[in-house]
Amino acid sequence: MINIPVLRWGEPYESLEIDEVTHFMTGEPLAKVGQANGGLLQRDMRKAARARDVLRDFTSQELIDKIKQAADLYLNGTLPVGDGMQSPDDFARCQSATTGLPEHMCKGNMQKNYFVLTHMDQMLDALTRGLDLEILSRGYGKESRGVVVSYQAQSPVVGLVLPSNSPGVHTLWLPVIPMQIGLVLKPGPQEPWTPYRMTAAFTQAGIPKEAISIYPGGPEVGAAVLAKCDRSMIFGGTATVERYKGDPRVQAHGPGFSKILLGDDVVDNWEQYLDLMVDSIYLNSGRGCINCSGIWASRHTKEIAQAVAERIGPVEVKPPEDPEAGLAAFTLPGAAKAIWGDIEAAVREEGTTHATEQYGERLVEMERCAYVRPVVLHCQSHELAAAKKEYMFPFVSVVECPQEKMLSSIGPTLVCSAITDNEAWRRQLTDATHIDRLNIGAIPTIKLDWLQPHEGNIVEFLFRARAYQIAEELVPAAS
């Protein structure tokens, strides 16, 4: 049993309130996690400016070098977590045991984080469009083209209200430290492991511990993070996104409703894209916002739904330690049953067909958890309720819709993989403001280019460009 304390600007704090984290399948106690409260966080935020100050004692390049050292420690090192030590295998087992994600997927997400950490200089160069990072540090400077520019940090720290469902979301906050901005992390109840392991790797690599705070706790703590940090991110459902829509202080990440659109010019050859469709739906147990939840085409949709169902419908539940396990458990009591009930209601609507029904029961309930096996629905019309569904497991609606109505009907879409050679339609897709990440051609929705922003550019979120005039003799030369 590991005891994990609240971390207040690098200093452990033993809370009187404890949350016990247990194995989702066996009930075995794994850790006792100290719980913060909103008042504690509010007091600590008086020292938030110190987090940026200690980071500015180093150049951005020095911090990038330390981040790269931290990458190896995170992936391969045995690191402290609370009052225990944790090897990479221990970490993957613990993360799997509390989130329900199979162990090999947890290790795969470690590789994603490692890639981002080891390519941090290229990522920041891309996100800043080649800006000298010392300009962000100083607040002003001269670009290589000789123009004085200024970027002002909007907060000394960024707050993160993190989820429990997908460890891959941590890639979004990893570039923050090299930009000399501190971290205030509120872990998901079932996933404290990544924030603590990453913090241990950072501090062992020489990044000041005073730059990072971790506040496990309930909804009150998440609300305090959003209220007291001038820049913060939150992960949640559609209601969360709507609540913070238009708030410049909060970047809300919600469901992706990611889709594959097959153009009329290619849809007759849909079979050659079947592997792409299956991978987009099924990999990482369908838990990511970039997993495909909708395949839209004007024809052949019944055949597409049947072919996808043949591939993923037979997938069975396997233990989390099985290297062939493809499904993650729902660890929250009643969650899987509620999801299956919602799907059953959608299937009852005329025009909606359950293509995976023939492959056995979908809801698998166990003593302490439950699974939903992959589901493929066919929708005869884009107006059916099932056409706009998304869940945290391999689920897809194959929707029949004329090409000319697709863009006006798909709704907000995080990733759109549009397979077409029609140049006029490509231009319309490019201009569609409700599509965030656009893939033109046969690219899986789950394939990310780490040198491009994911759901908004974090540099633009944390820094504001402004006018700044300074006497010529005082302007530092471009590096």
Protein backbone atom coordinates (compact mmCIF):
# COMPACT_ATOMS: atom_id res chain seq x y z
CA MET A 1 0.00 0.00 0.00
CA ILE A 2 1.47 3.34 -1.11
CA ASN A 3 0.67 6.58 0.71
CA ILE A 4 0.52 9.48 -1.76
CA PRO A 5 0.39 12.99 -0.28
CA VAL A 6 -0.89 16.26 -1.66
CA LEU A 7 2.04 18.13 -3.25
CA ARG A 8 2.12 21.87 -2.44
CA TRP A 9 4.72 23.57 -4.63
CA GLY A 10 6.91 20.50 -4.36
CA GLU A 11 6.40 19.89 -0.64
CA PRO A 12 4.41 16.83 0.51
CA TYR A 13 1.42 17.59 2.70
CA GLU A 14 -0.22 14.90 4.81
CA SER A 15 -3.98 15.41 4.62
CA LEU A 16 -6.38 14.14 7.26
CA GLU A 17 -8.74 13.12 4.45
CA ILE A 18 -7.71 10.04 2.49
CA ASP A 19 -9.13 8.36 -0.61
CA GLU A 20 -8.30 4.69 -1.02
CA VAL A 21 -7.60 3.65 -4.61
CA THR A 22 -8.35 -0.02 -5.30
CA HIS A 23 -7.95 -2.55 -8.10
CA PHE A 24 -11.04 -2.33 -10.30
CA MET A 25 -11.42 -6.10 -10.58
CA THR A 26 -10.15 -7.54 -7.29
CA GLY A 27 -10.77 -4.70 -4.86
CA GLU A 28 -7.16 -4.92 -3.65
CA PRO A 29 -6.09 -1.62 -2.00
CA LEU A 30 -3.28 -0.02 -4.02
CA ALA A 31 -2.80 3.44 -2.57
CA LYS A 32 -4.07 5.91 -0.04
CA VAL A 33 -4.19 9.31 -1.70
CA GLY A 34 -4.32 12.46 0.41
CA GLN A 35 -7.22 14.74 -0.45
CA ALA A 36 -6.94 18.50 -0.83
CA ASN A 37 -9.78 20.99 -0.55
CA GLY A 38 -10.59 24.27 -2.24
CA GLY A 39 -9.45 26.38 0.68
CA LEU A 40 -5.99 24.79 0.70
CA LEU A 41 -5.55 25.42 -3.01
CA GLN A 42 -6.79 28.99 -2.66
CA ARG A 43 -4.16 29.71 0.02
CA ASP A 44 -1.40 28.13 -2.05
CA MET A 45 -2.24 30.20 -5.13
CA ARG A 46 -0.88 33.26 -3.34
CA LYS A 47 2.54 31.79 -4.13
CA ALA A 48 1.80 30.97 -7.77
CA ALA A 49 4.11 33.69 -9.11
CA ARG A 50 7.02 31.87 -7.46
CA ALA A 51 6.50 28.90 -9.81
CA ARG A 52 7.27 31.02 -12.85
CA ASP A 53 10.11 32.83 -11.09
CA VAL A 54 12.02 29.64 -10.29
CA LEU A 55 11.62 28.40 -13.85
CA ARG A 56 12.94 31.68 -15.25
CA ASP A 57 16.19 31.04 -13.40
CA PHE A 58 16.82 28.67 -16.32
CA THR A 59 16.72 29.38 -20.03
CA SER A 60 14.03 27.65 -22.06
CA GLN A 61 16.71 25.59 -23.75
CA GLU A 62 18.06 24.44 -20.38
CA LEU A 63 14.55 23.38 -19.39
CA ILE A 64 14.12 21.52 -22.67
CA ASP A 65 17.38 19.65 -21.99
CA LYS A 66 16.09 18.73 -18.52
CA ILE A 67 12.78 17.60 -20.01
CA LYS A 68 14.67 15.23 -22.29
CA GLN A 69 16.52 13.80 -19.28
CA ALA A 70 13.16 13.42 -17.55
CA ALA A 71 11.85 11.48 -20.54
CA ASP A 72 14.26 8.60 -19.94
CA LEU A 73 13.56 8.63 -16.19
CA TYR A 74 9.81 8.54 -16.82
CA LEU A 75 10.00 5.67 -19.31
CA ASN A 76 12.73 3.54 -17.74
CA GLY A 77 13.45 4.69 -14.19
CA THR A 78 12.35 3.44 -10.81
CA LEU A 79 10.91 6.60 -9.29
CA PRO A 80 9.43 7.64 -5.95
CA VAL A 81 5.67 7.86 -5.68
CA GLY A 82 4.53 8.89 -2.22
CA ASP A 83 6.35 6.74 0.31
CA GLY A 84 7.07 3.97 -2.22
CA MET A 85 9.18 3.33 -5.32
CA GLN A 86 7.69 2.42 -8.68
CA SER A 87 9.31 0.74 -11.68
CA PRO A 88 7.86 1.25 -15.18
CA ASP A 89 6.14 -2.15 -14.95
CA ASP A 90 4.75 -1.26 -11.51
CA PHE A 91 3.44 2.00 -12.95
CA ALA A 92 1.67 0.30 -15.86
CA ARG A 93 0.11 -2.30 -13.55
CA CYS A 94 -1.14 0.33 -11.12
CA GLN A 95 -2.52 2.55 -13.88
CA SER A 96 -4.28 -0.41 -15.47
CA ALA A 97 -5.62 -1.59 -12.12
CA THR A 98 -7.34 1.72 -11.37
CA THR A 99 -8.41 2.94 -14.82
CA GLY A 100 -9.49 -0.38 -16.36
CA LEU A 101 -7.20 0.10 -19.37
CA PRO A 102 -5.22 -3.03 -20.35
CA GLU A 103 -1.59 -2.96 -19.21
CA HIS A 104 -0.12 -3.00 -22.72
CA MET A 105 -2.17 0.11 -23.57
CA CYS A 106 -0.81 1.85 -20.47
CA LYS A 107 2.71 1.07 -21.68
CA GLY A 108 1.76 2.36 -25.12
CA ASN A 109 0.64 5.65 -23.61
CA MET A 110 4.00 5.88 -21.80
CA GLN A 111 5.66 5.72 -25.22
CA LYS A 112 3.46 8.60 -26.44
CA ASN A 113 4.48 10.77 -23.49
CA TYR A 114 8.12 9.78 -23.99
CA PHE A 115 7.97 10.80 -27.65
CA VAL A 116 6.57 14.22 -26.78
CA LEU A 117 9.20 14.79 -24.09
CA THR A 118 12.11 13.77 -26.32
CA HIS A 119 10.90 15.92 -29.21
CA MET A 120 10.03 18.96 -27.11
CA ASP A 121 12.31 21.37 -28.99
CA GLN A 122 10.77 20.46 -32.35
CA MET A 123 7.25 20.66 -30.90
CA LEU A 124 7.77 24.13 -29.44
CA ASP A 125 9.47 25.32 -32.61
CA ALA A 126 6.39 24.22 -34.56
CA LEU A 127 3.85 25.59 -32.06
CA THR A 128 5.59 28.99 -31.88
CA ARG A 129 6.23 29.04 -35.65
CA GLY A 130 9.96 29.32 -35.09
CA LEU A 131 9.85 32.02 -32.42
CA ASP A 132 12.94 32.39 -30.24
CA LEU A 133 11.76 31.02 -26.88
CA GLU A 134 13.76 33.66 -25.04
CA ILE A 135 11.24 36.19 -26.38
CA LEU A 136 8.55 34.35 -24.40
CA SER A 137 10.82 34.39 -21.36
CA ARG A 138 11.81 38.06 -21.62
CA GLY A 139 8.44 39.23 -22.88
CA TYR A 140 9.83 40.97 -25.95
CA GLY A 141 12.59 40.70 -28.52
CA LYS A 142 13.48 40.94 -32.17
CA GLU A 143 12.42 38.26 -34.63
CA SER A 144 14.84 36.95 -37.23
CA ARG A 145 13.19 39.28 -39.78
CA GLY A 146 14.18 42.24 -37.61
CA VAL A 147 10.77 43.15 -36.18
CA VAL A 148 10.28 43.76 -32.45
CA VAL A 149 7.56 41.51 -31.04
CA SER A 150 6.12 40.99 -27.58
CA TYR A 151 4.33 38.06 -25.97
CA GLN A 152 2.94 38.36 -22.47
CA ALA A 153 2.30 35.33 -20.25
CA GLN A 154 -1.32 35.40 -19.11
CA SER A 155 -0.72 33.38 -15.95
CA PRO A 156 2.31 32.22 -13.93
CA VAL A 157 0.75 28.73 -13.80
CA VAL A 158 -1.71 26.65 -15.76
CA GLY A 159 -4.29 24.56 -13.91
CA LEU A 160 -5.24 21.09 -15.16
CA VAL A 161 -8.42 19.29 -14.10
CA LEU A 162 -7.46 15.87 -15.43
CA PRO A 163 -9.66 12.85 -16.26
CA SER A 164 -9.25 9.21 -15.28
CA ASN A 165 -10.28 7.61 -18.56
CA SER A 166 -7.40 8.21 -20.98
CA PRO A 167 -3.77 8.61 -19.84
CA GLY A 168 -2.89 9.96 -23.30
CA VAL A 169 -4.32 13.41 -22.45
CA HIS A 170 -1.18 14.19 -20.44
CA THR A 171 0.66 15.01 -23.66
CA LEU A 172 -1.27 18.30 -23.71
CA TRP A 173 0.42 19.77 -20.62
CA LEU A 174 3.96 18.51 -21.10
CA PRO A 175 5.12 21.60 -23.12
CA VAL A 176 4.17 23.98 -20.28
CA ILE A 177 7.35 23.76 -18.14
CA PRO A 178 9.79 24.69 -20.97
CA MET A 179 7.73 27.85 -21.48
CA GLN A 180 8.58 28.72 -17.84
CA ILE A 181 5.02 28.38 -16.59
CA GLY A 182 4.20 26.30 -13.51
CA LEU A 183 1.73 23.45 -13.16
CA VAL A 184 -1.26 23.05 -10.84
CA LEU A 185 -2.54 19.52 -11.37
CA LYS A 186 -5.80 18.03 -10.11
CA PRO A 187 -5.55 14.31 -11.02
CA GLY A 188 -8.50 12.16 -11.97
CA PRO A 189 -9.64 10.01 -9.02
CA GLN A 190 -8.55 6.77 -10.71
CA GLU A 191 -5.44 8.14 -12.39
CA PRO A 192 -3.06 9.84 -9.93
CA TRP A 193 -0.15 7.83 -11.32
CA THR A 194 0.95 9.88 -14.35
CA PRO A 195 1.04 13.32 -12.65
CA TYR A 196 3.11 11.96 -9.74
CA ARG A 197 5.47 9.90 -11.88
CA MET A 198 6.00 12.74 -14.35
CA THR A 199 6.66 15.17 -11.46
CA ALA A 200 9.19 12.76 -9.95
CA ALA A 201 10.97 12.48 -13.31
CA PHE A 202 10.98 16.26 -13.75
CA THR A 203 12.44 16.97 -10.31
CA GLN A 204 15.10 14.26 -10.59
CA ALA A 205 16.13 15.81 -13.90
CA GLY A 206 16.69 19.15 -12.14
CA ILE A 207 13.44 21.02 -12.75
CA PRO A 208 12.59 23.03 -9.60
CA LYS A 209 10.06 21.19 -7.46
CA GLU A 210 8.54 24.55 -6.47
CA ALA A 211 7.08 24.83 -10.00
CA ILE A 212 4.55 22.00 -9.56
CA SER A 213 1.61 21.37 -7.25
CA ILE A 214 -0.66 18.30 -7.26
CA TYR A 215 -4.05 18.48 -5.54
CA PRO A 216 -6.02 15.21 -5.54
CA GLY A 217 -9.59 15.72 -4.40
CA GLY A 218 -13.23 15.97 -5.31
CA PRO A 219 -15.18 18.34 -7.59
CA GLU A 220 -14.63 21.22 -5.15
CA VAL A 221 -10.89 21.10 -5.88
CA GLY A 222 -11.49 21.11 -9.63
CA ALA A 223 -13.74 24.15 -9.26
CA ALA A 224 -11.05 25.91 -7.22
CA VAL A 225 -8.43 25.23 -9.91
CA LEU A 226 -10.66 26.84 -12.55
CA ALA A 227 -11.53 29.78 -10.30
CA LYS A 228 -8.00 30.59 -9.10
CA CYS A 229 -5.83 29.91 -12.15
CA ASP A 230 -5.92 32.56 -14.86
CA ARG A 231 -5.36 29.81 -17.42
CA SER A 232 -6.65 26.26 -16.99
CA MET A 233 -7.78 23.18 -18.88
CA ILE A 234 -10.60 20.83 -17.98
CA PHE A 235 -11.66 17.51 -19.49
CA GLY A 236 -15.28 16.41 -19.40
CA GLY A 237 -18.49 15.82 -21.30
CA THR A 238 -20.54 18.02 -23.59
CA ALA A 239 -22.05 19.86 -20.61
CA THR A 240 -18.57 20.81 -19.40
CA VAL A 241 -17.60 22.15 -22.83
CA GLU A 242 -20.80 24.19 -23.07
CA ARG A 243 -20.35 25.59 -19.57
CA TYR A 244 -16.94 27.09 -20.35
CA LYS A 245 -17.55 27.95 -23.99
CA GLY A 246 -16.41 31.50 -24.62
CA ASP A 247 -14.41 31.76 -21.37
CA PRO A 248 -10.89 32.81 -22.45
CA ARG A 249 -9.44 31.61 -19.14
CA VAL A 250 -10.54 27.99 -19.63
CA GLN A 251 -9.74 25.53 -22.40
CA ALA A 252 -12.40 22.82 -22.16
CA HIS A 253 -11.72 19.45 -23.80
CA GLY A 254 -14.75 17.24 -24.31
CA PRO A 255 -16.04 14.49 -26.59
CA GLY A 256 -14.38 14.39 -30.00
CA PHE A 257 -17.20 13.11 -32.20
CA SER A 258 -14.38 12.29 -34.62
CA LYS A 259 -15.47 11.01 -38.03
CA ILE A 260 -14.44 9.45 -41.31
CA LEU A 261 -16.17 10.89 -44.38
CA LEU A 262 -16.08 8.90 -47.62
CA GLY A 263 -16.52 11.07 -50.71
CA ASP A 264 -18.75 10.03 -53.57
CA ASP A 265 -15.67 9.66 -55.78
CA VAL A 266 -14.09 6.95 -53.56
CA VAL A 267 -16.96 5.27 -51.71
CA ASP A 268 -17.39 2.51 -54.30
CA ASN A 269 -13.91 1.35 -53.27
CA TRP A 270 -14.66 1.45 -49.53
CA GLU A 271 -13.14 -2.01 -48.89
CA GLN A 272 -9.61 -0.66 -49.33
CA TYR A 273 -10.18 1.67 -46.34
CA LEU A 274 -11.58 -1.00 -44.00
CA ASP A 275 -8.36 -1.39 -41.98
CA LEU A 276 -8.18 2.38 -41.53
CA MET A 277 -11.77 2.49 -40.31
CA VAL A 278 -11.33 -0.41 -37.87
CA ASP A 279 -8.11 1.00 -36.39
CA SER A 280 -9.68 4.44 -35.97
CA ILE A 281 -12.58 2.91 -34.01
CA TYR A 282 -10.89 0.16 -32.02
CA LEU A 283 -7.32 1.08 -31.03
CA ASN A 284 -6.74 2.22 -27.42
CA SER A 285 -10.10 0.59 -26.66
CA GLY A 286 -11.93 3.48 -28.31
CA ARG A 287 -11.30 5.64 -25.24
CA GLY A 288 -9.77 8.66 -26.94
CA CYS A 289 -11.54 11.71 -28.27
CA ILE A 290 -9.66 11.04 -31.52
CA ASN A 291 -11.20 7.59 -31.93
CA CYS A 292 -13.75 7.48 -34.74
CA SER A 293 -17.39 7.41 -33.63
CA GLY A 294 -18.98 8.06 -37.04
CA ILE A 295 -18.44 6.84 -40.61
CA TRP A 296 -20.43 8.87 -43.11
CA ALA A 297 -21.06 7.95 -46.76
CA SER A 298 -23.77 8.40 -49.35
CA ARG A 299 -24.01 4.69 -50.24
CA HIS A 300 -22.71 1.21 -49.32
CA THR A 301 -23.28 2.07 -45.67
CA LYS A 302 -24.97 -1.23 -44.80
CA GLU A 303 -22.07 -3.15 -46.30
CA ILE A 304 -19.57 -0.96 -44.44
CA ALA A 305 -21.37 -1.47 -41.14
CA GLN A 306 -21.49 -5.23 -41.67
CA ALA A 307 -17.78 -5.42 -42.59
CA VAL A 308 -16.70 -3.37 -39.57
CA ALA A 309 -18.97 -5.45 -37.33
CA GLU A 310 -17.38 -8.66 -38.62
CA ARG A 311 -13.96 -7.32 -37.60
CA ILE A 312 -14.67 -5.93 -34.12
CA GLY A 313 -17.97 -7.57 -33.11
CA PRO A 314 -16.39 -10.88 -32.02
CA VAL A 315 -13.85 -9.20 -29.69
CA GLU A 316 -14.13 -10.71 -26.23
CA VAL A 317 -13.29 -9.37 -22.78
CA LYS A 318 -9.81 -10.43 -21.61
CA PRO A 319 -7.94 -9.80 -18.35
CA PRO A 320 -6.05 -6.48 -18.19
CA GLU A 321 -2.68 -8.23 -17.99
CA ASP A 322 -3.35 -10.17 -21.24
CA PRO A 323 -1.22 -8.66 -24.06
CA GLU A 324 -4.09 -9.35 -26.45
CA ALA A 325 -6.68 -7.48 -24.35
CA GLY A 326 -8.44 -4.92 -26.51
CA LEU A 327 -11.18 -3.63 -24.22
CA ALA A 328 -11.02 -1.39 -21.17
CA ALA A 329 -13.30 -1.87 -18.19
CA PHE A 330 -15.82 0.64 -16.90
CA THR A 331 -14.81 0.98 -13.27
CA LEU A 332 -17.53 3.42 -12.17
CA PRO A 333 -20.51 1.42 -10.84
CA GLY A 334 -23.48 1.56 -13.17
CA ALA A 335 -21.65 3.41 -16.00
CA ALA A 336 -21.55 0.54 -18.49
CA LYS A 337 -25.16 -0.44 -17.81
CA ALA A 338 -26.32 3.15 -18.36
CA ILE A 339 -24.39 3.36 -21.64
CA TRP A 340 -25.86 0.10 -22.87
CA GLY A 341 -29.33 1.29 -21.93
CA ASP A 342 -28.81 4.45 -23.97
CA ILE A 343 -27.68 2.38 -26.97
CA GLU A 344 -30.69 0.08 -26.67
CA ALA A 345 -32.98 3.12 -26.74
CA ALA A 346 -31.22 4.46 -29.86
CA VAL A 347 -31.57 1.11 -31.65
CA ARG A 348 -35.33 1.14 -31.10
CA GLU A 349 -35.63 4.21 -33.34
CA GLU A 350 -36.82 3.24 -36.81
CA GLY A 351 -33.98 3.35 -39.30
CA THR A 352 -31.28 2.31 -36.80
CA THR A 353 -29.87 -1.23 -36.97
CA HIS A 354 -27.53 -2.98 -34.54
CA ALA A 355 -24.91 -4.60 -36.81
CA THR A 356 -22.98 -6.32 -33.99
CA GLU A 357 -26.04 -7.95 -32.42
CA GLN A 358 -25.27 -11.35 -33.98
CA TYR A 359 -21.88 -11.52 -32.23
CA GLY A 360 -23.25 -12.07 -28.75
CA GLU A 361 -24.19 -10.02 -25.70
CA ARG A 362 -22.58 -6.58 -25.58
CA LEU A 363 -22.89 -5.80 -21.86
CA VAL A 364 -20.58 -7.94 -19.71
CA GLU A 365 -21.14 -7.33 -15.99
CA MET A 366 -18.74 -8.54 -13.33
CA GLU A 367 -18.73 -8.29 -9.57
CA ARG A 368 -16.82 -4.99 -9.36
CA CYS A 369 -16.76 -3.66 -12.95
CA ALA A 370 -18.37 -4.06 -16.36
CA TYR A 371 -17.46 -3.99 -20.04
CA VAL A 372 -19.31 -3.09 -23.21
CA ARG A 373 -18.08 -5.09 -26.18
CA PRO A 374 -17.72 -3.22 -29.52
CA VAL A 375 -20.91 -1.85 -31.04
CA VAL A 376 -21.58 -0.93 -34.67
CA LEU A 377 -24.87 0.76 -35.56
CA HIS A 378 -26.21 1.55 -39.00
CA CYS A 379 -28.25 4.72 -39.51
CA GLN A 380 -30.34 5.15 -42.63
CA SER A 381 -30.40 8.92 -42.06
CA HIS A 382 -28.16 11.54 -40.49
CA GLU A 383 -31.22 12.79 -38.57
CA LEU A 384 -31.39 9.69 -36.35
CA ALA A 385 -30.29 10.02 -32.73
CA ALA A 386 -27.63 7.30 -33.05
CA ALA A 387 -25.83 9.32 -35.73
CA LYS A 388 -24.56 11.75 -33.10
CA LYS A 389 -23.57 9.32 -30.34
CA GLU A 390 -20.14 8.80 -28.82
CA TYR A 391 -19.01 6.56 -25.95
CA MET A 392 -15.75 5.56 -24.24
CA PHE A 393 -15.41 2.15 -25.87
CA PRO A 394 -15.22 0.92 -29.49
CA PHE A 395 -18.48 2.33 -30.84
CA VAL A 396 -19.34 3.66 -34.28
CA SER A 397 -22.42 4.75 -36.20
CA VAL A 398 -22.25 4.19 -39.94
CA VAL A 399 -24.43 6.95 -41.33
CA GLU A 400 -26.01 7.19 -44.78
CA CYS A 401 -25.99 10.83 -45.88
CA PRO A 402 -25.67 12.60 -49.25
CA GLN A 403 -22.23 14.17 -49.63
CA GLU A 404 -23.72 17.62 -50.16
CA LYS A 405 -25.41 17.42 -46.73
CA MET A 406 -22.49 16.04 -44.73
CA LEU A 407 -20.79 19.25 -43.70
CA SER A 408 -24.04 20.83 -42.56
CA SER A 409 -25.02 17.69 -40.63
CA ILE A 410 -21.96 16.21 -38.90
CA GLY A 411 -21.85 18.80 -36.10
CA PRO A 412 -18.72 19.73 -34.10
CA THR A 413 -15.92 17.33 -35.01
CA LEU A 414 -12.51 17.13 -33.37
CA VAL A 415 -10.89 14.97 -36.07
CA CYS A 416 -12.30 14.55 -39.55
CA SER A 417 -10.60 12.15 -41.95
CA ALA A 418 -12.12 13.02 -45.33
CA ILE A 419 -11.21 10.54 -48.04
CA THR A 420 -11.78 12.20 -51.39
CA ASP A 421 -10.01 13.44 -54.52
CA ASN A 422 -12.74 16.01 -55.17
CA GLU A 423 -10.90 19.34 -55.03
CA ALA A 424 -14.07 21.43 -54.68
CA TRP A 425 -15.20 19.37 -51.67
CA ARG A 426 -11.71 19.56 -50.19
CA ARG A 427 -11.98 23.35 -50.25
CA GLN A 428 -15.33 23.18 -48.47
CA LEU A 429 -13.83 20.86 -45.86
CA THR A 430 -10.91 23.22 -45.36
CA ASP A 431 -13.30 26.10 -44.77
CA ALA A 432 -15.53 24.17 -42.31
CA THR A 433 -15.10 25.96 -38.98
CA HIS A 434 -16.72 23.14 -36.97
CA ILE A 435 -13.87 20.75 -37.84
CA ASP A 436 -10.81 21.07 -35.63
CA ARG A 437 -8.20 18.65 -36.98
CA LEU A 438 -8.67 17.92 -40.69
CA ASN A 439 -7.10 14.93 -42.42
CA ILE A 440 -7.41 14.91 -46.19
CA GLY A 441 -6.95 11.44 -47.61
CA ALA A 442 -6.62 7.96 -46.16
CA ILE A 443 -5.36 8.93 -42.67
CA PRO A 444 -6.74 7.26 -39.51
CA THR A 445 -8.40 9.66 -37.07
CA ILE A 446 -6.05 8.38 -34.35
CA LYS A 447 -2.87 9.34 -36.24
CA LEU A 448 -1.56 12.57 -34.72
CA ASP A 449 1.15 14.88 -35.98
CA TRP A 450 2.81 15.95 -32.73
CA LEU A 451 4.22 19.04 -34.43
CA GLN A 452 0.71 20.41 -34.88
CA PRO A 453 -1.64 21.68 -32.15
CA HIS A 454 -4.28 19.40 -30.67
CA GLU A 455 -7.52 21.23 -29.83
CA GLY A 456 -5.97 24.67 -29.84
CA ASN A 457 -2.41 25.95 -29.73
CA ILE A 458 -1.21 25.94 -26.11
CA VAL A 459 1.25 28.77 -26.83
CA GLU A 460 -1.55 31.02 -28.04
CA PHE A 461 -3.61 30.01 -25.00
CA LEU A 462 -0.89 30.90 -22.49
CA PHE A 463 0.64 33.96 -24.19
CA ARG A 464 -0.87 37.12 -25.66
CA ALA A 465 0.74 38.99 -28.54
CA ARG A 466 0.79 42.74 -27.98
CA ALA A 467 2.35 45.94 -29.25
CA TYR A 468 5.66 46.78 -27.58
CA GLN A 469 7.92 49.68 -28.55
CA ILE A 470 11.40 50.06 -27.15
CA ALA A 471 14.34 52.28 -28.00
CA GLU A 472 16.42 50.63 -30.69
CA GLU A 473 19.60 50.50 -28.59
CA LEU A 474 17.76 48.49 -25.91
CA VAL A 475 16.45 45.74 -28.19
CA PRO A 476 18.33 42.43 -27.80
CA ALA A 477 19.47 40.91 -31.07
CA ALA A 478 17.67 37.90 -32.48
CA SER A 479 19.37 34.63 -31.59
